[in-house]
Every structure is written in structure tokens, then in C-alpha cells.
Full PDB file with SEQRES, HELIX, SHEET, SSBOND, CRYST1, ORIGX, SCALE, CONECT and MASTER records, all heavy atoms in Angstrom:
SEQRES   1 A   33  GLY PHE THR ASP LEU THR GLN ALA VAL ILE TYR LEU THR          
SEQRES   2 A   33  SER HIS ASP VAL GLY GLY PHE ARG ASN GLU ARG LEU TYR          
SEQRES   3 A   33  ASN PHE LEU VAL SER GLN GLY                                  
HELIX    1 AA1 LEU A    5  GLN A    7  5                                   3    
HELIX    2 AA2 LEU A   25  SER A   31  1                                   7    
CRYST1    1.000    1.000    1.000  90.00  90.00  90.00 P 1           1          
ORIGX1      1.000000  0.000000  0.000000        0.00000                         
ORIGX2      0.000000  1.000000  0.000000        0.00000                         
ORIGX3      0.000000  0.000000  1.000000        0.00000                         
SCALE1      1.000000  0.000000  0.000000        0.00000                         
SCALE2      0.000000  1.000000  0.000000        0.00000                         
SCALE3      0.000000  0.000000  1.000000        0.00000                         
ATOM      1  N   GLY A   1       0.779  -1.227   0.000  1.00  0.00           N  
ATOM      2  CA  GLY A   1       0.000   0.000   0.000  1.00  0.00           C  
ATOM      3  C   GLY A   1       0.813   1.280   0.000  1.00  0.00           C  
ATOM      4  O   GLY A   1       0.251   2.372  -0.059  1.00  0.00           O  
ATOM      5  N   PHE A   2       2.133   1.176   0.095  1.00  0.00           N  
ATOM      6  CA  PHE A   2       2.977   2.368   0.011  1.00  0.00           C  
ATOM      7  C   PHE A   2       3.019   2.825  -1.449  1.00  0.00           C  
ATOM      8  O   PHE A   2       2.912   2.006  -2.360  1.00  0.00           O  
ATOM      9  CB  PHE A   2       4.402   2.059   0.487  1.00  0.00           C  
ATOM     10  CG  PHE A   2       4.496   1.717   1.942  1.00  0.00           C  
ATOM     11  CD1 PHE A   2       4.469   0.398   2.363  1.00  0.00           C  
ATOM     12  CD2 PHE A   2       4.621   2.711   2.900  1.00  0.00           C  
ATOM     13  CE1 PHE A   2       4.555   0.066   3.705  1.00  0.00           C  
ATOM     14  CE2 PHE A   2       4.715   2.392   4.250  1.00  0.00           C  
ATOM     15  CZ  PHE A   2       4.679   1.075   4.650  1.00  0.00           C  
ATOM     16  N   THR A   3       3.210   4.123  -1.680  1.00  0.00           N  
ATOM     17  CA  THR A   3       3.316   4.587  -3.058  1.00  0.00           C  
ATOM     18  C   THR A   3       4.731   4.449  -3.585  1.00  0.00           C  
ATOM     19  O   THR A   3       4.937   4.267  -4.781  1.00  0.00           O  
ATOM     20  CB  THR A   3       2.872   6.052  -3.206  1.00  0.00           C  
ATOM     21  OG1 THR A   3       3.674   6.884  -2.368  1.00  0.00           O  
ATOM     22  CG2 THR A   3       1.406   6.215  -2.843  1.00  0.00           C  
ATOM     23  N   ASP A   4       5.730   4.545  -2.700  1.00  0.00           N  
ATOM     24  CA  ASP A   4       7.128   4.332  -3.076  1.00  0.00           C  
ATOM     25  C   ASP A   4       7.955   4.102  -1.816  1.00  0.00           C  
ATOM     26  O   ASP A   4       7.460   4.207  -0.691  1.00  0.00           O  
ATOM     27  CB  ASP A   4       7.681   5.489  -3.908  1.00  0.00           C  
ATOM     28  CG  ASP A   4       7.644   6.826  -3.190  1.00  0.00           C  
ATOM     29  OD1 ASP A   4       7.976   6.885  -1.987  1.00  0.00           O  
ATOM     30  OD2 ASP A   4       7.278   7.826  -3.826  1.00  0.00           O  
ATOM     31  N   LEU A   5       9.230   3.815  -2.035  1.00  0.00           N  
ATOM     32  CA  LEU A   5      10.104   3.459  -0.916  1.00  0.00           C  
ATOM     33  C   LEU A   5      10.334   4.605   0.066  1.00  0.00           C  
ATOM     34  O   LEU A   5      10.638   4.357   1.230  1.00  0.00           O  
ATOM     35  CB  LEU A   5      11.447   2.948  -1.457  1.00  0.00           C  
ATOM     36  CG  LEU A   5      12.465   2.462  -0.439  1.00  0.00           C  
ATOM     37  CD1 LEU A   5      11.891   1.339   0.418  1.00  0.00           C  
ATOM     38  CD2 LEU A   5      13.736   2.006  -1.121  1.00  0.00           C  
ATOM     39  N   THR A   6      10.169   5.833  -0.371  1.00  0.00           N  
ATOM     40  CA  THR A   6      10.399   6.952   0.545  1.00  0.00           C  
ATOM     41  C   THR A   6       9.412   6.959   1.706  1.00  0.00           C  
ATOM     42  O   THR A   6       9.681   7.560   2.737  1.00  0.00           O  
ATOM     43  CB  THR A   6      10.324   8.309  -0.181  1.00  0.00           C  
ATOM     44  OG1 THR A   6       9.001   8.484  -0.716  1.00  0.00           O  
ATOM     45  CG2 THR A   6      11.356   8.401  -1.290  1.00  0.00           C  
ATOM     46  N   GLN A   7       8.296   6.271   1.558  1.00  0.00           N  
ATOM     47  CA  GLN A   7       7.294   6.225   2.622  1.00  0.00           C  
ATOM     48  C   GLN A   7       7.536   5.085   3.617  1.00  0.00           C  
ATOM     49  O   GLN A   7       6.953   5.091   4.690  1.00  0.00           O  
ATOM     50  CB  GLN A   7       5.904   6.046   2.019  1.00  0.00           C  
ATOM     51  CG  GLN A   7       5.428   7.205   1.208  1.00  0.00           C  
ATOM     52  CD  GLN A   7       4.027   6.964   0.701  1.00  0.00           C  
ATOM     53  OE1 GLN A   7       3.612   5.833   0.448  1.00  0.00           O  
ATOM     54  NE2 GLN A   7       3.270   8.037   0.551  1.00  0.00           N  
ATOM     55  N   ALA A   8       8.354   4.117   3.247  1.00  0.00           N  
ATOM     56  CA  ALA A   8       8.529   2.915   4.065  1.00  0.00           C  
ATOM     57  C   ALA A   8       9.873   2.925   4.783  1.00  0.00           C  
ATOM     58  O   ALA A   8      10.925   2.939   4.147  1.00  0.00           O  
ATOM     59  CB  ALA A   8       8.429   1.674   3.181  1.00  0.00           C  
ATOM     60  N   VAL A   9       9.841   2.921   6.102  1.00  0.00           N  
ATOM     61  CA  VAL A   9      11.065   2.821   6.891  1.00  0.00           C  
ATOM     62  C   VAL A   9      11.352   1.329   7.058  1.00  0.00           C  
ATOM     63  O   VAL A   9      10.620   0.610   7.754  1.00  0.00           O  
ATOM     64  CB  VAL A   9      10.922   3.518   8.262  1.00  0.00           C  
ATOM     65  CG1 VAL A   9      12.194   3.363   9.073  1.00  0.00           C  
ATOM     66  CG2 VAL A   9      10.554   4.988   8.079  1.00  0.00           C  
ATOM     67  N   ILE A  10      12.407   0.857   6.396  1.00  0.00           N  
ATOM     68  CA  ILE A  10      12.754  -0.563   6.361  1.00  0.00           C  
ATOM     69  C   ILE A  10      13.674  -0.898   7.533  1.00  0.00           C  
ATOM     70  O   ILE A  10      14.668  -0.209   7.776  1.00  0.00           O  
ATOM     71  CB  ILE A  10      13.476  -0.888   5.033  1.00  0.00           C  
ATOM     72  CG1 ILE A  10      12.632  -0.518   3.823  1.00  0.00           C  
ATOM     73  CG2 ILE A  10      13.917  -2.340   5.003  1.00  0.00           C  
ATOM     74  CD1 ILE A  10      11.351  -1.293   3.680  1.00  0.00           C  
ATOM     75  N   TYR A  11      13.359  -1.982   8.226  1.00  0.00           N  
ATOM     76  CA  TYR A  11      14.221  -2.420   9.318  1.00  0.00           C  
ATOM     77  C   TYR A  11      14.064  -3.927   9.522  1.00  0.00           C  
ATOM     78  O   TYR A  11      13.061  -4.514   9.150  1.00  0.00           O  
ATOM     79  CB  TYR A  11      13.924  -1.658  10.610  1.00  0.00           C  
ATOM     80  CG  TYR A  11      12.537  -1.878  11.176  1.00  0.00           C  
ATOM     81  CD1 TYR A  11      12.361  -2.678  12.297  1.00  0.00           C  
ATOM     82  CD2 TYR A  11      11.418  -1.279  10.618  1.00  0.00           C  
ATOM     83  CE1 TYR A  11      11.100  -2.882  12.838  1.00  0.00           C  
ATOM     84  CE2 TYR A  11      10.162  -1.473  11.135  1.00  0.00           C  
ATOM     85  CZ  TYR A  11      10.004  -2.277  12.247  1.00  0.00           C  
ATOM     86  OH  TYR A  11       8.748  -2.475  12.770  1.00  0.00           O  
ATOM     87  N   LEU A  12      15.097  -4.541  10.084  1.00  0.00           N  
ATOM     88  CA  LEU A  12      15.098  -5.988  10.321  1.00  0.00           C  
ATOM     89  C   LEU A  12      14.884  -6.340  11.778  1.00  0.00           C  
ATOM     90  O   LEU A  12      14.459  -7.442  12.096  1.00  0.00           O  
ATOM     91  CB  LEU A  12      16.427  -6.605   9.864  1.00  0.00           C  
ATOM     92  CG  LEU A  12      16.750  -6.464   8.387  1.00  0.00           C  
ATOM     93  CD1 LEU A  12      18.151  -6.980   8.116  1.00  0.00           C  
ATOM     94  CD2 LEU A  12      15.744  -7.213   7.552  1.00  0.00           C  
ATOM     95  N   THR A  13      15.229  -5.441  12.648  1.00  0.00           N  
ATOM     96  CA  THR A  13      15.096  -5.676  14.081  1.00  0.00           C  
ATOM     97  C   THR A  13      14.925  -4.323  14.762  1.00  0.00           C  
ATOM     98  O   THR A  13      15.138  -3.288  14.133  1.00  0.00           O  
ATOM     99  CB  THR A  13      16.322  -6.446  14.626  1.00  0.00           C  
ATOM    100  OG1 THR A  13      16.065  -6.901  15.948  1.00  0.00           O  
ATOM    101  CG2 THR A  13      17.584  -5.613  14.592  1.00  0.00           C  
ATOM    102  N   SER A  14      14.506  -4.336  15.997  1.00  0.00           N  
ATOM    103  CA  SER A  14      14.319  -3.081  16.718  1.00  0.00           C  
ATOM    104  C   SER A  14      14.566  -3.305  18.203  1.00  0.00           C  
ATOM    105  O   SER A  14      14.881  -4.411  18.634  1.00  0.00           O  
ATOM    106  CB  SER A  14      12.900  -2.544  16.496  1.00  0.00           C  
ATOM    107  OG  SER A  14      11.966  -3.328  17.207  1.00  0.00           O  
ATOM    108  N   HIS A  15      14.378  -2.267  18.972  1.00  0.00           N  
ATOM    109  CA  HIS A  15      14.519  -2.394  20.418  1.00  0.00           C  
ATOM    110  C   HIS A  15      13.300  -3.080  21.039  1.00  0.00           C  
ATOM    111  O   HIS A  15      13.360  -3.543  22.167  1.00  0.00           O  
ATOM    112  CB  HIS A  15      14.754  -1.020  21.060  1.00  0.00           C  
ATOM    113  CG  HIS A  15      13.590  -0.095  20.911  1.00  0.00           C  
ATOM    114  ND1 HIS A  15      13.424   0.690  19.789  1.00  0.00           N  
ATOM    115  CD2 HIS A  15      12.546   0.167  21.711  1.00  0.00           C  
ATOM    116  CE1 HIS A  15      12.311   1.386  19.913  1.00  0.00           C  
ATOM    117  NE2 HIS A  15      11.757   1.092  21.078  1.00  0.00           N  
ATOM    118  N   ASP A  16      12.197  -3.154  20.300  1.00  0.00           N  
ATOM    119  CA  ASP A  16      11.005  -3.866  20.766  1.00  0.00           C  
ATOM    120  C   ASP A  16      11.175  -5.341  20.427  1.00  0.00           C  
ATOM    121  O   ASP A  16      10.920  -5.753  19.298  1.00  0.00           O  
ATOM    122  CB  ASP A  16       9.745  -3.324  20.084  1.00  0.00           C  
ATOM    123  CG  ASP A  16       9.507  -1.866  20.411  1.00  0.00           C  
ATOM    124  OD1 ASP A  16       9.800  -1.467  21.557  1.00  0.00           O  
ATOM    125  OD2 ASP A  16       9.038  -1.137  19.532  1.00  0.00           O  
ATOM    126  N   VAL A  17      11.632  -6.131  21.393  1.00  0.00           N  
ATOM    127  CA  VAL A  17      11.988  -7.518  21.101  1.00  0.00           C  
ATOM    128  C   VAL A  17      11.095  -8.522  21.826  1.00  0.00           C  
ATOM    129  O   VAL A  17      11.452  -9.685  21.952  1.00  0.00           O  
ATOM    130  CB  VAL A  17      13.475  -7.795  21.422  1.00  0.00           C  
ATOM    131  CG1 VAL A  17      14.366  -7.022  20.485  1.00  0.00           C  
ATOM    132  CG2 VAL A  17      13.795  -7.456  22.872  1.00  0.00           C  
ATOM    133  N   GLY A  18       9.939  -8.110  22.261  1.00  0.00           N  
ATOM    134  CA  GLY A  18       9.039  -9.033  22.933  1.00  0.00           C  
ATOM    135  C   GLY A  18       8.118  -9.728  21.952  1.00  0.00           C  
ATOM    136  O   GLY A  18       7.732  -9.178  20.939  1.00  0.00           O  
ATOM    137  N   GLY A  19       7.807 -10.964  22.238  1.00  0.00           N  
ATOM    138  CA  GLY A  19       6.828 -11.674  21.433  1.00  0.00           C  
ATOM    139  C   GLY A  19       7.430 -12.637  20.428  1.00  0.00           C  
ATOM    140  O   GLY A  19       8.606 -12.590  20.094  1.00  0.00           O  
ATOM    141  N   PHE A  20       6.580 -13.501  19.934  1.00  0.00           N  
ATOM    142  CA  PHE A  20       6.946 -14.546  18.988  1.00  0.00           C  
ATOM    143  C   PHE A  20       7.472 -13.954  17.681  1.00  0.00           C  
ATOM    144  O   PHE A  20       6.865 -13.040  17.128  1.00  0.00           O  
ATOM    145  CB  PHE A  20       5.711 -15.419  18.718  1.00  0.00           C  
ATOM    146  CG  PHE A  20       5.946 -16.541  17.751  1.00  0.00           C  
ATOM    147  CD1 PHE A  20       6.796 -17.574  18.072  1.00  0.00           C  
ATOM    148  CD2 PHE A  20       5.308 -16.548  16.528  1.00  0.00           C  
ATOM    149  CE1 PHE A  20       7.009 -18.612  17.183  1.00  0.00           C  
ATOM    150  CE2 PHE A  20       5.501 -17.581  15.625  1.00  0.00           C  
ATOM    151  CZ  PHE A  20       6.363 -18.612  15.961  1.00  0.00           C  
ATOM    152  N   ARG A  21       8.600 -14.448  17.198  1.00  0.00           N  
ATOM    153  CA  ARG A  21       9.262 -14.035  15.957  1.00  0.00           C  
ATOM    154  C   ARG A  21       9.650 -12.553  15.970  1.00  0.00           C  
ATOM    155  O   ARG A  21       9.762 -11.921  14.926  1.00  0.00           O  
ATOM    156  CB  ARG A  21       8.397 -14.345  14.731  1.00  0.00           C  
ATOM    157  CG  ARG A  21       8.131 -15.812  14.537  1.00  0.00           C  
ATOM    158  CD  ARG A  21       7.353 -16.088  13.264  1.00  0.00           C  
ATOM    159  NE  ARG A  21       8.150 -15.849  12.081  1.00  0.00           N  
ATOM    160  CZ  ARG A  21       8.920 -16.763  11.475  1.00  0.00           C  
ATOM    161  NH1 ARG A  21       8.983 -17.982  11.957  1.00  0.00           N  
ATOM    162  NH2 ARG A  21       9.608 -16.459  10.402  1.00  0.00           N  
ATOM    163  N   ASN A  22       9.854 -12.006  17.147  1.00  0.00           N  
ATOM    164  CA  ASN A  22      10.197 -10.598  17.262  1.00  0.00           C  
ATOM    165  C   ASN A  22      11.510 -10.380  18.001  1.00  0.00           C  
ATOM    166  O   ASN A  22      11.813  -9.268  18.410  1.00  0.00           O  
ATOM    167  CB  ASN A  22       9.057  -9.848  17.963  1.00  0.00           C  
ATOM    168  CG  ASN A  22       9.045  -8.389  17.613  1.00  0.00           C  
ATOM    169  OD1 ASN A  22       9.374  -8.000  16.512  1.00  0.00           O  
ATOM    170  ND2 ASN A  22       8.676  -7.560  18.572  1.00  0.00           N  
ATOM    171  N   GLU A  23      12.287 -11.450  18.151  1.00  0.00           N  
ATOM    172  CA  GLU A  23      13.568 -11.343  18.852  1.00  0.00           C  
ATOM    173  C   GLU A  23      14.549 -10.530  18.007  1.00  0.00           C  
ATOM    174  O   GLU A  23      14.306 -10.274  16.844  1.00  0.00           O  
ATOM    175  CB  GLU A  23      14.182 -12.733  19.092  1.00  0.00           C  
ATOM    176  CG  GLU A  23      13.297 -13.745  19.747  1.00  0.00           C  
ATOM    177  CD  GLU A  23      12.467 -14.572  18.778  1.00  0.00           C  
ATOM    178  OE1 GLU A  23      12.519 -14.347  17.552  1.00  0.00           O  
ATOM    179  OE2 GLU A  23      11.738 -15.435  19.262  1.00  0.00           O  
ATOM    180  N   ARG A  24      15.671 -10.163  18.624  1.00  0.00           N  
ATOM    181  CA  ARG A  24      16.732  -9.549  17.834  1.00  0.00           C  
ATOM    182  C   ARG A  24      17.099 -10.531  16.729  1.00  0.00           C  
ATOM    183  O   ARG A  24      16.957 -11.739  16.884  1.00  0.00           O  
ATOM    184  CB  ARG A  24      17.935  -9.241  18.704  1.00  0.00           C  
ATOM    185  CG  ARG A  24      17.608  -8.231  19.787  1.00  0.00           C  
ATOM    186  CD  ARG A  24      18.856  -7.523  20.285  1.00  0.00           C  
ATOM    187  NE  ARG A  24      18.583  -6.708  21.440  1.00  0.00           N  
ATOM    188  CZ  ARG A  24      17.973  -5.524  21.412  1.00  0.00           C  
ATOM    189  NH1 ARG A  24      17.557  -5.039  20.274  1.00  0.00           N  
ATOM    190  NH2 ARG A  24      17.771  -4.842  22.504  1.00  0.00           N  
ATOM    191  N   LEU A  25      17.554 -10.028  15.594  1.00  0.00           N  
ATOM    192  CA  LEU A  25      17.742 -10.855  14.406  1.00  0.00           C  
ATOM    193  C   LEU A  25      18.650 -12.054  14.659  1.00  0.00           C  
ATOM    194  O   LEU A  25      18.315 -13.182  14.298  1.00  0.00           O  
ATOM    195  CB  LEU A  25      18.279 -10.023  13.245  1.00  0.00           C  
ATOM    196  CG  LEU A  25      18.401 -10.749  11.929  1.00  0.00           C  
ATOM    197  CD1 LEU A  25      17.066 -11.321  11.471  1.00  0.00           C  
ATOM    198  CD2 LEU A  25      18.981  -9.821  10.867  1.00  0.00           C  
ATOM    199  N   TYR A  26      19.783 -11.839  15.295  1.00  0.00           N  
ATOM    200  CA  TYR A  26      20.694 -12.952  15.569  1.00  0.00           C  
ATOM    201  C   TYR A  26      20.006 -14.009  16.421  1.00  0.00           C  
ATOM    202  O   TYR A  26      20.042 -15.204  16.111  1.00  0.00           O  
ATOM    203  CB  TYR A  26      21.965 -12.447  16.260  1.00  0.00           C  
ATOM    204  CG  TYR A  26      22.907 -13.558  16.622  1.00  0.00           C  
ATOM    205  CD1 TYR A  26      23.811 -14.051  15.690  1.00  0.00           C  
ATOM    206  CD2 TYR A  26      22.892 -14.131  17.894  1.00  0.00           C  
ATOM    207  CE1 TYR A  26      24.671 -15.086  16.013  1.00  0.00           C  
ATOM    208  CE2 TYR A  26      23.748 -15.160  18.221  1.00  0.00           C  
ATOM    209  CZ  TYR A  26      24.635 -15.636  17.285  1.00  0.00           C  
ATOM    210  OH  TYR A  26      25.486 -16.671  17.604  1.00  0.00           O  
ATOM    211  N   ASN A  27      19.363 -13.591  17.487  1.00  0.00           N  
ATOM    212  CA  ASN A  27      18.672 -14.535  18.378  1.00  0.00           C  
ATOM    213  C   ASN A  27      17.545 -15.257  17.651  1.00  0.00           C  
ATOM    214  O   ASN A  27      17.313 -16.446  17.875  1.00  0.00           O  
ATOM    215  CB  ASN A  27      18.122 -13.817  19.608  1.00  0.00           C  
ATOM    216  CG  ASN A  27      19.215 -13.246  20.486  1.00  0.00           C  
ATOM    217  OD1 ASN A  27      20.371 -13.634  20.390  1.00  0.00           O  
ATOM    218  ND2 ASN A  27      18.858 -12.301  21.321  1.00  0.00           N  
ATOM    219  N   PHE A  28      16.840 -14.550  16.780  1.00  0.00           N  
ATOM    220  CA  PHE A  28      15.779 -15.166  16.000  1.00  0.00           C  
ATOM    221  C   PHE A  28      16.337 -16.284  15.130  1.00  0.00           C  
ATOM    222  O   PHE A  28      15.787 -17.387  15.096  1.00  0.00           O  
ATOM    223  CB  PHE A  28      15.075 -14.120  15.133  1.00  0.00           C  
ATOM    224  CG  PHE A  28      14.184 -14.719  14.089  1.00  0.00           C  
ATOM    225  CD1 PHE A  28      12.960 -15.272  14.440  1.00  0.00           C  
ATOM    226  CD2 PHE A  28      14.573 -14.761  12.765  1.00  0.00           C  
ATOM    227  CE1 PHE A  28      12.144 -15.858  13.482  1.00  0.00           C  
ATOM    228  CE2 PHE A  28      13.762 -15.334  11.801  1.00  0.00           C  
ATOM    229  CZ  PHE A  28      12.548 -15.881  12.166  1.00  0.00           C  
ATOM    230  N   LEU A  29      17.412 -16.002  14.407  1.00  0.00           N  
ATOM    231  CA  LEU A  29      17.988 -17.015  13.523  1.00  0.00           C  
ATOM    232  C   LEU A  29      18.477 -18.226  14.313  1.00  0.00           C  
ATOM    233  O   LEU A  29      18.250 -19.369  13.909  1.00  0.00           O  
ATOM    234  CB  LEU A  29      19.120 -16.410  12.693  1.00  0.00           C  
ATOM    235  CG  LEU A  29      18.677 -15.361  11.670  1.00  0.00           C  
ATOM    236  CD1 LEU A  29      19.886 -14.685  11.039  1.00  0.00           C  
ATOM    237  CD2 LEU A  29      17.778 -15.967  10.611  1.00  0.00           C  
ATOM    238  N   VAL A  30      19.119 -17.998  15.430  1.00  0.00           N  
ATOM    239  CA  VAL A  30      19.580 -19.110  16.272  1.00  0.00           C  
ATOM    240  C   VAL A  30      18.391 -19.928  16.770  1.00  0.00           C  
ATOM    241  O   VAL A  30      18.411 -21.156  16.745  1.00  0.00           O  
ATOM    242  CB  VAL A  30      20.435 -18.587  17.452  1.00  0.00           C  
ATOM    243  CG1 VAL A  30      20.705 -19.687  18.466  1.00  0.00           C  
ATOM    244  CG2 VAL A  30      21.751 -18.011  16.929  1.00  0.00           C  
ATOM    245  N   SER A  31      17.306 -19.258  17.176  1.00  0.00           N  
ATOM    246  CA  SER A  31      16.118 -19.982  17.661  1.00  0.00           C  
ATOM    247  C   SER A  31      15.450 -20.801  16.552  1.00  0.00           C  
ATOM    248  O   SER A  31      14.731 -21.747  16.829  1.00  0.00           O  
ATOM    249  CB  SER A  31      15.102 -19.014  18.279  1.00  0.00           C  
ATOM    250  OG  SER A  31      14.434 -18.277  17.281  1.00  0.00           O  
ATOM    251  N   GLN A  32      15.694 -20.433  15.304  1.00  0.00           N  
ATOM    252  CA  GLN A  32      15.155 -21.169  14.160  1.00  0.00           C  
ATOM    253  C   GLN A  32      16.089 -22.295  13.720  1.00  0.00           C  
ATOM    254  O   GLN A  32      15.850 -22.941  12.704  1.00  0.00           O  
ATOM    255  CB  GLN A  32      14.906 -20.215  12.988  1.00  0.00           C  
ATOM    256  CG  GLN A  32      13.871 -19.155  13.271  1.00  0.00           C  
ATOM    257  CD  GLN A  32      12.502 -19.761  13.518  1.00  0.00           C  
ATOM    258  OE1 GLN A  32      11.974 -20.503  12.712  1.00  0.00           O  
ATOM    259  NE2 GLN A  32      11.934 -19.455  14.669  1.00  0.00           N  
ATOM    260  N   GLY A  33      17.175 -22.509  14.475  1.00  0.00           N  
ATOM    261  CA  GLY A  33      18.106 -23.596  14.181  1.00  0.00           C  
ATOM    262  C   GLY A  33      19.091 -23.283  13.070  1.00  0.00           C  
ATOM    263  O   GLY A  33      19.659 -24.197  12.463  1.00  0.00           O  
TER     264      GLY A  33                                                      
MASTER        0    0    0    2    0    0    0    6  263    1    0    3          
END                                                                             
């Protein structure tokens, strides 16, 4: 639904790390084996 990339702030991880599949990226990958 974005009109172009200037509207979308792209990120892989954040300081909000609570919840399922929301861990820091490294921890997420390790938890996925």
C-alpha cells in the first residue's frame, strides 16, 4: 500500500523484542536452528 520506498522505513530488528518471531535478528535465527 505504500506509493514508493520513501514512505517505508525498512528495518530488520528493533529495540522492541518481545513476542513470537520478534527477537533480535541474531537470536531469531539461532532460535530457528
